[in-house]
Structure formats: structure tokens, C-alpha cells
């Protein structure tokens, strides 16, 4: 008898940790997302400083990112 397993692909959430994004709350945003139970990785600068903080969810850029914007994108991917 074989057991069936369901794998759920969690999207990649990358928060820019460059200087401008960090100064604009990127590191704090990453911590908030992690507190929500999401897996977050530190990203390199993408030269989008005018749009800081920058988050990529499965390579989709979210400018002036907030937890609400990230959660909304995650909901879109689950639909």
C-alpha cells in the first residue's frame, strides 16, 4: 500500500536587504513576514531604490512593499 502525499509549492519570497530598502523598512518587513510563518530570504539590491522596500514573490516585483501587498500577491497565486 502506497501513501499519497500532496506537496504544496510555497512561493519564494525575497526581500531586498540593500541599503535603501533596509532604510525604508525592508528588514523589518522581512521579520514581520517571518512572524506570520512565511519563509523569507534576503535578496540582493535590484537597483530599484526609488521603489523601496522591494519584495519579489516568485520573481514578481512588489514596489513600496507592505505585508498587505505581499499577502494579497500570495492570495492571487493560490487562486
N, C-alpha and C. Protein backbone atom coordinates (compact mmCIF):
# COMPACT_ATOMS: atom_id res chain seq x y z
N UNK A 1 0.84 -1.17 0.00
CA UNK A 1 0.00 0.00 0.00
C UNK A 1 0.89 1.23 0.00
N UNK A 2 0.64 2.12 -0.93
CA UNK A 2 1.47 3.32 -1.01
C UNK A 2 0.71 4.50 -0.42
N UNK A 3 1.45 5.39 0.14
CA UNK A 3 0.81 6.57 0.71
C UNK A 3 0.95 7.74 -0.26
N UNK A 4 -0.13 8.39 -0.48
CA UNK A 4 -0.12 9.54 -1.37
C UNK A 4 0.25 10.78 -0.56
N UNK A 5 1.12 11.56 -1.11
CA UNK A 5 1.49 12.79 -0.42
C UNK A 5 1.22 13.96 -1.35
N UNK A 6 0.76 15.00 -0.76
CA UNK A 6 0.49 16.20 -1.52
C UNK A 6 1.56 17.22 -1.18
N UNK A 7 2.23 17.70 -2.21
CA UNK A 7 3.24 18.72 -1.99
C UNK A 7 2.67 20.06 -2.42
N UNK A 8 2.86 21.01 -1.58
CA UNK A 8 2.41 22.36 -1.88
C UNK A 8 3.65 23.19 -2.16
N UNK A 9 3.68 23.78 -3.32
CA UNK A 9 4.80 24.63 -3.67
C UNK A 9 4.60 26.00 -3.04
N UNK A 10 5.45 26.29 -2.08
CA UNK A 10 5.38 27.60 -1.45
C UNK A 10 6.12 28.59 -2.34
N UNK A 11 5.55 29.75 -2.55
CA UNK A 11 6.23 30.74 -3.38
C UNK A 11 7.50 31.25 -2.70
N UNK A 12 8.43 31.66 -3.50
CA UNK A 12 9.66 32.24 -3.00
C UNK A 12 9.40 33.71 -2.68
N UNK A 13 9.71 34.10 -1.46
CA UNK A 13 9.56 35.49 -1.04
C UNK A 13 10.95 36.03 -0.76
N UNK A 14 11.35 37.00 -1.54
CA UNK A 14 12.68 37.59 -1.42
C UNK A 14 12.52 39.07 -1.09
N UNK A 15 13.10 39.49 0.03
CA UNK A 15 13.04 40.88 0.45
C UNK A 15 14.43 41.49 0.27
N UNK A 16 14.48 42.59 -0.47
CA UNK A 16 15.76 43.25 -0.70
C UNK A 16 16.32 43.75 0.63
N UNK A 17 17.60 43.45 0.85
CA UNK A 17 18.29 43.90 2.05
C UNK A 17 19.37 44.92 1.70
N UNK A 18 19.23 45.53 0.52
CA UNK A 18 20.16 46.60 0.14
C UNK A 18 19.98 47.80 1.05
N UNK A 19 20.90 48.75 1.00
CA UNK A 19 20.86 49.88 1.92
C UNK A 19 19.55 50.67 1.88
N UNK A 20 19.08 51.05 0.72
CA UNK A 20 17.87 51.87 0.63
C UNK A 20 16.65 51.09 1.10
N UNK A 21 16.54 49.84 0.68
CA UNK A 21 15.38 49.04 1.10
C UNK A 21 15.41 48.78 2.60
N UNK A 22 16.60 48.55 3.13
CA UNK A 22 16.72 48.35 4.58
C UNK A 22 16.31 49.62 5.33
N UNK A 23 16.78 50.76 4.84
CA UNK A 23 16.43 52.03 5.49
C UNK A 23 14.95 52.35 5.36
N UNK A 24 14.31 51.78 4.33
CA UNK A 24 12.87 52.02 4.10
C UNK A 24 11.99 50.95 4.73
N UNK A 25 12.59 50.09 5.54
CA UNK A 25 11.80 49.12 6.29
C UNK A 25 11.84 47.70 5.76
N UNK A 26 12.73 47.42 4.82
CA UNK A 26 12.80 46.08 4.22
C UNK A 26 13.11 44.98 5.23
N UNK A 27 14.06 45.22 6.10
CA UNK A 27 14.42 44.19 7.08
C UNK A 27 13.30 43.99 8.09
N UNK A 28 12.64 45.07 8.49
CA UNK A 28 11.51 44.95 9.41
C UNK A 28 10.35 44.22 8.73
N UNK A 29 10.14 44.48 7.45
CA UNK A 29 9.11 43.80 6.69
C UNK A 29 9.41 42.30 6.62
N UNK A 30 10.66 41.95 6.37
CA UNK A 30 11.05 40.54 6.34
C UNK A 30 10.76 39.87 7.67
N UNK A 31 11.06 40.55 8.76
CA UNK A 31 10.80 39.99 10.09
C UNK A 31 9.30 39.81 10.31
N UNK A 32 8.48 40.77 9.88
CA UNK A 32 7.02 40.65 10.02
C UNK A 32 6.50 39.44 9.25
N UNK A 33 6.99 39.27 8.03
CA UNK A 33 6.54 38.15 7.21
C UNK A 33 6.94 36.82 7.84
N UNK A 34 8.15 36.77 8.40
CA UNK A 34 8.60 35.55 9.07
C UNK A 34 7.74 35.27 10.31
N UNK A 35 7.36 36.31 11.03
CA UNK A 35 6.49 36.14 12.20
C UNK A 35 5.13 35.59 11.80
N UNK A 36 4.73 35.84 10.56
CA UNK A 36 3.46 35.31 10.03
C UNK A 36 3.60 33.86 9.59
N UNK A 37 4.82 33.32 9.71
CA UNK A 37 5.06 31.93 9.35
C UNK A 37 5.50 31.73 7.91
N UNK A 38 5.84 32.82 7.23
CA UNK A 38 6.28 32.71 5.85
C UNK A 38 7.80 32.58 5.79
N UNK A 39 8.26 31.83 4.83
CA UNK A 39 9.70 31.67 4.65
C UNK A 39 10.18 32.80 3.75
N UNK A 40 11.13 33.57 4.25
CA UNK A 40 11.63 34.74 3.55
C UNK A 40 13.14 34.61 3.38
N UNK A 41 13.62 35.00 2.21
CA UNK A 41 15.07 35.03 2.03
C UNK A 41 15.51 36.46 1.74
N UNK A 42 16.74 36.76 2.14
CA UNK A 42 17.31 38.09 1.92
C UNK A 42 17.73 38.20 0.47
N UNK A 43 17.33 39.29 -0.16
CA UNK A 43 17.68 39.49 -1.56
C UNK A 43 18.75 40.55 -1.73
N UNK A 44 19.37 40.49 -2.89
CA UNK A 44 20.37 41.49 -3.25
C UNK A 44 19.69 42.70 -3.85
N UNK A 45 20.41 43.80 -3.90
CA UNK A 45 19.89 45.03 -4.48
C UNK A 45 19.57 44.81 -5.95
N UNK A 46 18.40 45.28 -6.37
CA UNK A 46 17.96 45.18 -7.77
C UNK A 46 17.95 46.55 -8.44
N UNK A 47 18.58 47.54 -7.79
CA UNK A 47 18.65 48.90 -8.31
C UNK A 47 17.27 49.50 -8.54
N UNK A 48 16.36 49.20 -7.63
CA UNK A 48 15.01 49.75 -7.66
C UNK A 48 14.78 50.63 -6.43
N UNK A 49 15.81 51.37 -6.07
CA UNK A 49 15.82 52.12 -4.82
C UNK A 49 14.66 53.11 -4.69
N UNK A 50 14.21 53.66 -5.79
CA UNK A 50 13.10 54.61 -5.74
C UNK A 50 11.80 53.93 -5.33
N UNK A 51 11.78 52.61 -5.40
CA UNK A 51 10.57 51.84 -5.10
C UNK A 51 10.70 51.04 -3.81
N UNK A 52 11.64 51.44 -2.96
CA UNK A 52 11.93 50.70 -1.73
C UNK A 52 10.77 50.79 -0.74
N UNK A 53 10.59 49.74 0.06
CA UNK A 53 11.28 48.45 0.00
C UNK A 53 10.71 47.56 -1.10
N UNK A 54 11.58 46.77 -1.67
CA UNK A 54 11.21 45.90 -2.78
C UNK A 54 11.13 44.45 -2.31
N UNK A 55 10.06 43.77 -2.72
CA UNK A 55 9.89 42.35 -2.42
C UNK A 55 9.59 41.65 -3.73
N UNK A 56 10.16 40.47 -3.89
CA UNK A 56 9.84 39.63 -5.04
C UNK A 56 9.12 38.39 -4.53
N UNK A 57 7.97 38.12 -5.08
CA UNK A 57 7.21 36.91 -4.77
C UNK A 57 7.19 36.10 -6.06
N UNK A 58 7.93 35.00 -6.07
CA UNK A 58 8.12 34.21 -7.29
C UNK A 58 8.52 35.11 -8.46
N UNK A 59 9.49 35.99 -8.22
CA UNK A 59 10.06 36.91 -9.19
C UNK A 59 9.11 38.01 -9.66
N UNK A 60 7.97 38.17 -9.01
CA UNK A 60 7.05 39.26 -9.29
C UNK A 60 7.40 40.40 -8.33
N UNK A 61 7.78 41.55 -8.89
CA UNK A 61 8.22 42.67 -8.06
C UNK A 61 7.05 43.39 -7.42
N UNK A 62 7.18 43.64 -6.14
CA UNK A 62 6.21 44.45 -5.40
C UNK A 62 6.97 45.68 -4.91
N UNK A 63 6.62 46.83 -5.48
CA UNK A 63 7.26 48.09 -5.12
C UNK A 63 6.60 48.68 -3.88
N UNK A 64 7.41 49.41 -3.10
CA UNK A 64 6.92 50.02 -1.85
C UNK A 64 6.10 48.99 -1.07
N UNK A 65 6.73 47.82 -0.91
CA UNK A 65 6.06 46.65 -0.36
C UNK A 65 5.61 46.84 1.09
N UNK A 66 4.49 46.22 1.38
CA UNK A 66 3.94 46.14 2.73
C UNK A 66 3.51 44.69 2.95
N UNK A 67 3.23 44.35 4.20
CA UNK A 67 2.75 42.99 4.45
C UNK A 67 1.44 42.75 3.70
N UNK A 68 0.57 43.76 3.67
CA UNK A 68 -0.71 43.61 2.96
C UNK A 68 -0.51 43.32 1.48
N UNK A 69 0.42 44.03 0.85
CA UNK A 69 0.69 43.81 -0.58
C UNK A 69 1.23 42.40 -0.82
N UNK A 70 2.11 41.94 0.05
CA UNK A 70 2.69 40.60 -0.10
C UNK A 70 1.61 39.54 0.09
N UNK A 71 0.79 39.68 1.12
CA UNK A 71 -0.28 38.72 1.39
C UNK A 71 -1.27 38.70 0.22
N UNK A 72 -1.58 39.85 -0.32
CA UNK A 72 -2.50 39.93 -1.47
C UNK A 72 -1.93 39.18 -2.67
N UNK A 73 -0.64 39.33 -2.90
CA UNK A 73 0.01 38.60 -4.01
C UNK A 73 -0.02 37.10 -3.76
N UNK A 74 0.20 36.68 -2.54
CA UNK A 74 0.16 35.26 -2.20
C UNK A 74 -1.23 34.70 -2.44
N UNK A 75 -2.26 35.45 -2.09
CA UNK A 75 -3.63 35.02 -2.34
C UNK A 75 -3.90 34.85 -3.83
N UNK A 76 -3.37 35.77 -4.62
CA UNK A 76 -3.52 35.70 -6.08
C UNK A 76 -2.91 34.40 -6.63
N UNK A 77 -1.76 34.04 -6.09
CA UNK A 77 -1.07 32.83 -6.56
C UNK A 77 -1.82 31.56 -6.16
N UNK A 78 -2.54 31.62 -5.04
CA UNK A 78 -3.27 30.44 -4.56
C UNK A 78 -4.58 30.23 -5.31
N UNK A 79 -5.07 31.27 -5.95
CA UNK A 79 -6.37 31.18 -6.65
C UNK A 79 -6.30 30.31 -7.88
